[in-house]
Amino acid sequence: MLLEDCDKSNASVKDKEPHFPVDPAFKGASYAQRHDLLCRRLMQKRLYSSATLFVSSREAAEAWSLPSPWQAHFLQVLRD
């Protein structure tokens, strides 16, 4: 998954609960943190064998980073 590295994606998201309660892990989390958690949960539940979140600024699209240390596993899977 690729997400733009900007103020809006790194700021806490206001939690609205008009129909369903927000997962406690998502409360106060940014979009980047929520996407990171989604990738981890997809792998933990074995729905995906590998998943990761790449973040990159719009200005330097070819320069990206992995926001979580666990994502090194994703790169290792790609290399194997």
PDB file of N, CA and C in Angstrom:
ATOM      1  N   MET A   1       0.840  -1.151   0.000  1.00  0.00           N
ATOM      2  CA  MET A   1       0.000   0.000   0.000  1.00  0.00           C
ATOM      3  C   MET A   1       0.897   1.228   0.000  1.00  0.00           C
ATOM      4  N   LEU A   2       0.541   2.225  -0.755  1.00  0.00           N
ATOM      5  CA  LEU A   2       1.309   3.465  -0.828  1.00  0.00           C
ATOM      6  C   LEU A   2       0.448   4.606  -0.308  1.00  0.00           C
ATOM      7  N   LEU A   3       1.023   5.405   0.585  1.00  0.00           N
ATOM      8  CA  LEU A   3       0.321   6.539   1.170  1.00  0.00           C
ATOM      9  C   LEU A   3       1.220   7.761   1.084  1.00  0.00           C
ATOM     10  N   GLU A   4       0.627   8.904   0.769  1.00  0.00           N
ATOM     11  CA  GLU A   4       1.410  10.134   0.717  1.00  0.00           C
ATOM     12  C   GLU A   4       1.852  10.525   2.122  1.00  0.00           C
ATOM     13  N   ASP A   5       3.111  10.867   2.254  1.00  0.00           N
ATOM     14  CA  ASP A   5       3.660  11.320   3.524  1.00  0.00           C
ATOM     15  C   ASP A   5       3.443  12.826   3.622  1.00  0.00           C
ATOM     16  N   CYS A   6       2.368  13.215   4.296  1.00  0.00           N
ATOM     17  CA  CYS A   6       2.028  14.638   4.426  1.00  0.00           C
ATOM     18  C   CYS A   6       1.401  14.873   5.800  1.00  0.00           C
ATOM     19  N   ASP A   7       1.152  16.114   6.108  1.00  0.00           N
ATOM     20  CA  ASP A   7       0.586  16.454   7.413  1.00  0.00           C
ATOM     21  C   ASP A   7      -0.753  15.764   7.656  1.00  0.00           C
ATOM     22  N   LYS A   8      -1.612  15.724   6.651  1.00  0.00           N
ATOM     23  CA  LYS A   8      -2.942  15.136   6.831  1.00  0.00           C
ATOM     24  C   LYS A   8      -2.892  13.632   7.077  1.00  0.00           C
ATOM     25  N   SER A   9      -1.973  12.920   6.449  1.00  0.00           N
ATOM     26  CA  SER A   9      -1.909  11.473   6.657  1.00  0.00           C
ATOM     27  C   SER A   9      -1.205  11.111   7.964  1.00  0.00           C
ATOM     28  N   ASN A  10      -0.448  12.053   8.529  1.00  0.00           N
ATOM     29  CA  ASN A  10       0.266  11.801   9.786  1.00  0.00           C
ATOM     30  C   ASN A  10      -0.408  12.401  11.013  1.00  0.00           C
ATOM     31  N   ALA A  11      -1.463  13.173  10.819  1.00  0.00           N
ATOM     32  CA  ALA A  11      -2.177  13.786  11.942  1.00  0.00           C
ATOM     33  C   ALA A  11      -3.245  12.834  12.472  1.00  0.00           C
ATOM     34  N   SER A  12      -3.561  12.966  13.739  1.00  0.00           N
ATOM     35  CA  SER A  12      -4.625  12.152  14.331  1.00  0.00           C
ATOM     36  C   SER A  12      -5.941  12.421  13.611  1.00  0.00           C
ATOM     37  N   VAL A  13      -6.704  11.359  13.422  1.00  0.00           N
ATOM     38  CA  VAL A  13      -7.995  11.454  12.749  1.00  0.00           C
ATOM     39  C   VAL A  13      -9.079  11.585  13.805  1.00  0.00           C
ATOM     40  N   LYS A  14     -10.018  12.499  13.575  1.00  0.00           N
ATOM     41  CA  LYS A  14     -11.138  12.647  14.501  1.00  0.00           C
ATOM     42  C   LYS A  14     -12.043  11.426  14.368  1.00  0.00           C
ATOM     43  N   ASP A  15     -12.327  10.796  15.480  1.00  0.00           N
ATOM     44  CA  ASP A  15     -13.158   9.584  15.471  1.00  0.00           C
ATOM     45  C   ASP A  15     -14.629   9.959  15.515  1.00  0.00           C
ATOM     46  N   LYS A  16     -15.374   9.509  14.503  1.00  0.00           N
ATOM     47  CA  LYS A  16     -16.824   9.701  14.467  1.00  0.00           C
ATOM     48  C   LYS A  16     -17.449   8.313  14.570  1.00  0.00           C
ATOM     49  N   GLU A  17     -18.463   8.187  15.386  1.00  0.00           N
ATOM     50  CA  GLU A  17     -19.089   6.883  15.594  1.00  0.00           C
ATOM     51  C   GLU A  17     -20.615   6.961  15.426  1.00  0.00           C
ATOM     52  N   PRO A  18     -21.097   7.412  14.255  1.00  0.00           N
ATOM     53  CA  PRO A  18     -22.549   7.538  14.104  1.00  0.00           C
ATOM     54  C   PRO A  18     -23.259   6.184  13.986  1.00  0.00           C
ATOM     55  N   HIS A  19     -22.576   5.155  13.488  1.00  0.00           N
ATOM     56  CA  HIS A  19     -23.237   3.866  13.270  1.00  0.00           C
ATOM     57  C   HIS A  19     -22.572   2.711  14.006  1.00  0.00           C
ATOM     58  N   PHE A  20     -21.244   2.717  14.071  1.00  0.00           N
ATOM     59  CA  PHE A  20     -20.503   1.629  14.704  1.00  0.00           C
ATOM     60  C   PHE A  20     -19.391   2.216  15.567  1.00  0.00           C
ATOM     61  N   PRO A  21     -19.034   1.522  16.643  1.00  0.00           N
ATOM     62  CA  PRO A  21     -17.921   2.018  17.462  1.00  0.00           C
ATOM     63  C   PRO A  21     -16.589   1.860  16.722  1.00  0.00           C
ATOM     64  N   VAL A  22     -15.695   2.793  16.966  1.00  0.00           N
ATOM     65  CA  VAL A  22     -14.362   2.744  16.368  1.00  0.00           C
ATOM     66  C   VAL A  22     -13.522   1.734  17.132  1.00  0.00           C
ATOM     67  N   ASP A  23     -12.779   0.921  16.403  1.00  0.00           N
ATOM     68  CA  ASP A  23     -11.864  -0.040  17.019  1.00  0.00           C
ATOM     69  C   ASP A  23     -10.933   0.733  17.960  1.00  0.00           C
ATOM     70  N   PRO A  24     -10.766   0.269  19.197  1.00  0.00           N
ATOM     71  CA  PRO A  24      -9.896   0.991  20.143  1.00  0.00           C
ATOM     72  C   PRO A  24      -8.478   1.234  19.613  1.00  0.00           C
ATOM     73  N   ALA A  25      -7.965   0.337  18.800  1.00  0.00           N
ATOM     74  CA  ALA A  25      -6.617   0.520  18.245  1.00  0.00           C
ATOM     75  C   ALA A  25      -6.559   1.700  17.276  1.00  0.00           C
ATOM     76  N   PHE A  26      -7.693   2.084  16.712  1.00  0.00           N
ATOM     77  CA  PHE A  26      -7.738   3.188  15.764  1.00  0.00           C
ATOM     78  C   PHE A  26      -8.004   4.535  16.427  1.00  0.00           C
ATOM     79  N   LYS A  27      -8.418   4.532  17.668  1.00  0.00           N
ATOM     80  CA  LYS A  27      -8.769   5.797  18.334  1.00  0.00           C
ATOM     81  C   LYS A  27      -7.549   6.706  18.427  1.00  0.00           C
ATOM     82  N   GLY A  28      -7.686   7.905  17.885  1.00  0.00           N
ATOM     83  CA  GLY A  28      -6.610   8.885  17.925  1.00  0.00           C
ATOM     84  C   GLY A  28      -5.451   8.603  16.986  1.00  0.00           C
ATOM     85  N   ALA A  29      -5.552   7.560  16.179  1.00  0.00           N
ATOM     86  CA  ALA A  29      -4.468   7.196  15.263  1.00  0.00           C
ATOM     87  C   ALA A  29      -4.572   7.988  13.966  1.00  0.00           C
ATOM     88  N   SER A  30      -3.437   8.187  13.324  1.00  0.00           N
ATOM     89  CA  SER A  30      -3.408   8.860  12.019  1.00  0.00           C
ATOM     90  C   SER A  30      -3.785   7.858  10.927  1.00  0.00           C
ATOM     91  N   TYR A  31      -4.007   8.361   9.718  1.00  0.00           N
ATOM     92  CA  TYR A  31      -4.278   7.455   8.599  1.00  0.00           C
ATOM     93  C   TYR A  31      -3.090   6.525   8.362  1.00  0.00           C
ATOM     94  N   ALA A  32      -1.879   7.040   8.494  1.00  0.00           N
ATOM     95  CA  ALA A  32      -0.692   6.201   8.309  1.00  0.00           C
ATOM     96  C   ALA A  32      -0.658   5.081   9.343  1.00  0.00           C
ATOM     97  N   GLN A  33      -0.958   5.392  10.592  1.00  0.00           N
ATOM     98  CA  GLN A  33      -0.974   4.369  11.635  1.00  0.00           C
ATOM     99  C   GLN A  33      -2.082   3.361  11.400  1.00  0.00           C
ATOM    100  N   ARG A  34      -3.224   3.821  10.939  1.00  0.00           N
ATOM    101  CA  ARG A  34      -4.351   2.908  10.658  1.00  0.00           C
ATOM    102  C   ARG A  34      -4.022   1.970   9.501  1.00  0.00           C
ATOM    103  N   HIS A  35      -3.415   2.488   8.453  1.00  0.00           N
ATOM    104  CA  HIS A  35      -3.041   1.640   7.326  1.00  0.00           C
ATOM    105  C   HIS A  35      -1.972   0.623   7.741  1.00  0.00           C
ATOM    106  N   ASP A  36      -1.029   1.053   8.565  1.00  0.00           N
ATOM    107  CA  ASP A  36       0.011   0.166   9.071  1.00  0.00           C
ATOM    108  C   ASP A  36      -0.621  -0.972   9.872  1.00  0.00           C
ATOM    109  N   LEU A  37      -1.552  -0.633  10.743  1.00  0.00           N
ATOM    110  CA  LEU A  37      -2.246  -1.646  11.542  1.00  0.00           C
ATOM    111  C   LEU A  37      -3.036  -2.598  10.651  1.00  0.00           C
ATOM    112  N   LEU A  38      -3.677  -2.082   9.622  1.00  0.00           N
ATOM    113  CA  LEU A  38      -4.410  -2.929   8.687  1.00  0.00           C
ATOM    114  C   LEU A  38      -3.489  -3.965   8.055  1.00  0.00           C
ATOM    115  N   CYS A  39      -2.334  -3.541   7.591  1.00  0.00           N
ATOM    116  CA  CYS A  39      -1.381  -4.475   6.973  1.00  0.00           C
ATOM    117  C   CYS A  39      -0.968  -5.564   7.966  1.00  0.00           C
ATOM    118  N   ARG A  40      -0.666  -5.168   9.201  1.00  0.00           N
ATOM    119  CA  ARG A  40      -0.265  -6.153  10.212  1.00  0.00           C
ATOM    120  C   ARG A  40      -1.386  -7.134  10.504  1.00  0.00           C
ATOM    121  N   ARG A  41      -2.617  -6.645  10.619  1.00  0.00           N
ATOM    122  CA  ARG A  41      -3.748  -7.528  10.921  1.00  0.00           C
ATOM    123  C   ARG A  41      -4.046  -8.484   9.770  1.00  0.00           C
ATOM    124  N   LEU A  42      -3.922  -8.013   8.538  1.00  0.00           N
ATOM    125  CA  LEU A  42      -4.146  -8.900   7.390  1.00  0.00           C
ATOM    126  C   LEU A  42      -3.168 -10.072   7.405  1.00  0.00           C
ATOM    127  N   MET A  43      -1.946  -9.812   7.824  1.00  0.00           N
ATOM    128  CA  MET A  43      -0.950 -10.895   7.898  1.00  0.00           C
ATOM    129  C   MET A  43      -1.178 -11.760   9.136  1.00  0.00           C
ATOM    130  N   GLN A  44      -1.492 -11.162  10.267  1.00  0.00           N
ATOM    131  CA  GLN A  44      -1.719 -11.937  11.489  1.00  0.00           C
ATOM    132  C   GLN A  44      -2.889 -12.897  11.332  1.00  0.00           C
ATOM    133  N   LYS A  45      -3.926 -12.478  10.610  1.00  0.00           N
ATOM    134  CA  LYS A  45      -5.097 -13.327  10.387  1.00  0.00           C
ATOM    135  C   LYS A  45      -4.903 -14.260   9.191  1.00  0.00           C
ATOM    136  N   ARG A  46      -3.716 -14.185   8.600  1.00  0.00           N
ATOM    137  CA  ARG A  46      -3.350 -15.019   7.461  1.00  0.00           C
ATOM    138  C   ARG A  46      -4.273 -14.834   6.248  1.00  0.00           C
ATOM    139  N   LEU A  47      -4.783 -13.607   6.094  1.00  0.00           N
ATOM    140  CA  LEU A  47      -5.548 -13.265   4.909  1.00  0.00           C
ATOM    141  C   LEU A  47      -4.608 -12.879   3.776  1.00  0.00           C
ATOM    142  N   TYR A  48      -3.430 -12.341   4.151  1.00  0.00           N
ATOM    143  CA  TYR A  48      -2.366 -12.013   3.204  1.00  0.00           C
ATOM    144  C   TYR A  48      -1.088 -12.662   3.714  1.00  0.00           C
ATOM    145  N   SER A  49      -0.281 -13.174   2.798  1.00  0.00           N
ATOM    146  CA  SER A  49       1.004 -13.740   3.219  1.00  0.00           C
ATOM    147  C   SER A  49       2.012 -12.636   3.506  1.00  0.00           C
ATOM    148  N   SER A  50       1.840 -11.490   2.867  1.00  0.00           N
ATOM    149  CA  SER A  50       2.730 -10.361   3.104  1.00  0.00           C
ATOM    150  C   SER A  50       2.005  -9.076   2.700  1.00  0.00           C
ATOM    151  N   ALA A  51       2.231  -8.026   3.468  1.00  0.00           N
ATOM    152  CA  ALA A  51       1.632  -6.722   3.186  1.00  0.00           C
ATOM    153  C   ALA A  51       2.500  -5.663   3.838  1.00  0.00           C
ATOM    154  N   THR A  52       2.504  -4.492   3.266  1.00  0.00           N
ATOM    155  CA  THR A  52       3.276  -3.403   3.875  1.00  0.00           C
ATOM    156  C   THR A  52       2.720  -2.056   3.450  1.00  0.00           C
ATOM    157  N   LEU A  53       3.146  -1.049   4.153  1.00  0.00           N
ATOM    158  CA  LEU A  53       2.770   0.323   3.861  1.00  0.00           C
ATOM    159  C   LEU A  53       4.024   1.099   3.501  1.00  0.00           C
ATOM    160  N   PHE A  54       4.037   1.678   2.333  1.00  0.00           N
ATOM    161  CA  PHE A  54       5.105   2.578   1.908  1.00  0.00           C
ATOM    162  C   PHE A  54       4.572   3.987   2.022  1.00  0.00           C
ATOM    163  N   VAL A  55       5.378   4.902   2.522  1.00  0.00           N
ATOM    164  CA  VAL A  55       4.989   6.319   2.541  1.00  0.00           C
ATOM    165  C   VAL A  55       6.015   7.104   1.743  1.00  0.00           C
ATOM    166  N   SER A  56       5.514   8.060   0.975  1.00  0.00           N
ATOM    167  CA  SER A  56       6.386   8.874   0.141  1.00  0.00           C
ATOM    168  C   SER A  56       5.757  10.244  -0.031  1.00  0.00           C
ATOM    169  N   SER A  57       6.601  11.267  -0.080  1.00  0.00           N
ATOM    170  CA  SER A  57       6.070  12.606  -0.317  1.00  0.00           C
ATOM    171  C   SER A  57       5.736  12.766  -1.795  1.00  0.00           C
ATOM    172  N   ARG A  58       4.851  13.664  -2.071  1.00  0.00           N
ATOM    173  CA  ARG A  58       4.448  13.916  -3.456  1.00  0.00           C
ATOM    174  C   ARG A  58       5.619  14.462  -4.269  1.00  0.00           C
ATOM    175  N   GLU A  59       6.462  15.275  -3.613  1.00  0.00           N
ATOM    176  CA  GLU A  59       7.581  15.909  -4.300  1.00  0.00           C
ATOM    177  C   GLU A  59       8.693  14.922  -4.637  1.00  0.00           C
ATOM    178  N   ALA A  60       8.880  13.919  -3.829  1.00  0.00           N
ATOM    179  CA  ALA A  60       9.965  12.949  -4.034  1.00  0.00           C
ATOM    180  C   ALA A  60       9.373  11.551  -4.114  1.00  0.00           C
ATOM    181  N   ALA A  61       8.582  11.308  -5.128  1.00  0.00           N
ATOM    182  CA  ALA A  61       7.858  10.040  -5.245  1.00  0.00           C
ATOM    183  C   ALA A  61       8.784   8.834  -5.305  1.00  0.00           C
ATOM    184  N   GLU A  62      10.000   9.006  -5.803  1.00  0.00           N
ATOM    185  CA  GLU A  62      10.910   7.861  -5.894  1.00  0.00           C
ATOM    186  C   GLU A  62      11.598   7.567  -4.562  1.00  0.00           C
ATOM    187  N   ALA A  63      11.501   8.481  -3.593  1.00  0.00           N
ATOM    188  CA  ALA A  63      12.093   8.277  -2.261  1.00  0.00           C
ATOM    189  C   ALA A  63      10.970   7.874  -1.307  1.00  0.00           C
ATOM    190  N   TRP A  64      11.033   6.666  -0.814  1.00  0.00           N
ATOM    191  CA  TRP A  64       9.991   6.177   0.079  1.00  0.00           C
ATOM    192  C   TRP A  64      10.626   5.605   1.338  1.00  0.00           C
ATOM    193  N   SER A  65       9.792   5.379   2.336  1.00  0.00           N
ATOM    194  CA  SER A  65      10.277   4.780   3.574  1.00  0.00           C
ATOM    195  C   SER A  65       9.252   3.793   4.104  1.00  0.00           C
ATOM    196  N   LEU A  66       9.726   2.933   4.989  1.00  0.00           N
ATOM    197  CA  LEU A  66       8.865   1.977   5.671  1.00  0.00           C
ATOM    198  C   LEU A  66       8.690   2.483   7.091  1.00  0.00           C
ATOM    199  N   PRO A  67       7.476   2.897   7.477  1.00  0.00           N
ATOM    200  CA  PRO A  67       7.309   3.501   8.789  1.00  0.00           C
ATOM    201  C   PRO A  67       7.415   2.548   9.968  1.00  0.00           C
ATOM    202  N   SER A  68       7.328   1.248   9.739  1.00  0.00           N
ATOM    203  CA  SER A  68       7.389   0.294  10.851  1.00  0.00           C
ATOM    204  C   SER A  68       8.521  -0.703  10.652  1.00  0.00           C
ATOM    205  N   PRO A  69       9.227  -1.036  11.715  1.00  0.00           N
ATOM    206  CA  PRO A  69      10.348  -1.978  11.590  1.00  0.00           C
ATOM    207  C   PRO A  69       9.924  -3.381  11.160  1.00  0.00           C
ATOM    208  N   TRP A  70       8.700  -3.812  11.487  1.00  0.00           N
ATOM    209  CA  TRP A  70       8.264  -5.158  11.118  1.00  0.00           C
ATOM    210  C   TRP A  70       8.177  -5.330   9.605  1.00  0.00           C
ATOM    211  N   GLN A  71       8.152  -4.239   8.859  1.00  0.00           N
ATOM    212  CA  GLN A  71       7.963  -4.328   7.420  1.00  0.00           C
ATOM    213  C   GLN A  71       9.197  -4.825   6.685  1.00  0.00           C
ATOM    214  N   ALA A  72      10.296  -4.992   7.386  1.00  0.00           N
ATOM    215  CA  ALA A  72      11.478  -5.592   6.762  1.00  0.00           C
ATOM    216  C   ALA A  72      11.147  -6.989   6.259  1.00  0.00           C
ATOM    217  N   HIS A  73      10.203  -7.660   6.933  1.00  0.00           N
ATOM    218  CA  HIS A  73       9.759  -8.992   6.492  1.00  0.00           C
ATOM    219  C   HIS A  73       9.213  -8.933   5.069  1.00  0.00           C
ATOM    220  N   PHE A  74       8.477  -7.889   4.764  1.00  0.00           N
ATOM    221  CA  PHE A  74       7.906  -7.732   3.421  1.00  0.00           C
ATOM    222  C   PHE A  74       9.006  -7.683   2.373  1.00  0.00           C
ATOM    223  N   LEU A  75      10.035  -6.890   2.630  1.00  0.00           N
ATOM    224  CA  LEU A  75      11.139  -6.779   1.682  1.00  0.00           C
ATOM    225  C   LEU A  75      11.877  -8.096   1.539  1.00  0.00           C
ATOM    226  N   GLN A  76      12.019  -8.841   2.629  1.00  0.00           N
ATOM    227  CA  GLN A  76      12.688 -10.138   2.570  1.00  0.00           C
ATOM    228  C   GLN A  76      11.889 -11.107   1.706  1.00  0.00           C
ATOM    229  N   VAL A  77      10.568 -11.082   1.831  1.00  0.00           N
ATOM    230  CA  VAL A  77       9.711 -11.950   1.004  1.00  0.00           C
ATOM    231  C   VAL A  77       9.894 -11.619  -0.464  1.00  0.00           C
ATOM    232  N   LEU A  78       9.991 -10.330  -0.793  1.00  0.00           N
ATOM    233  CA  LEU A  78      10.188  -9.937  -2.186  1.00  0.00           C
ATOM    234  C   LEU A  78      11.517 -10.428  -2.732  1.00  0.00           C
ATOM    235  N   ARG A  79      12.535 -10.447  -1.867  1.00  0.00           N
ATOM    236  CA  ARG A  79      13.868 -10.875  -2.310  1.00  0.00           C
ATOM    237  C   ARG A  79      13.965 -12.380  -2.503  1.00  0.00           C
ATOM    238  N   ASP A  80      13.191 -13.133  -1.745  1.00  0.00           N
ATOM    239  CA  ASP A  80      13.278 -14.617  -1.813  1.00  0.00           C
ATOM    240  C   ASP A  80      12.596 -15.208  -3.019  1.00  0.00           C
TER     241      ASP A  80
END
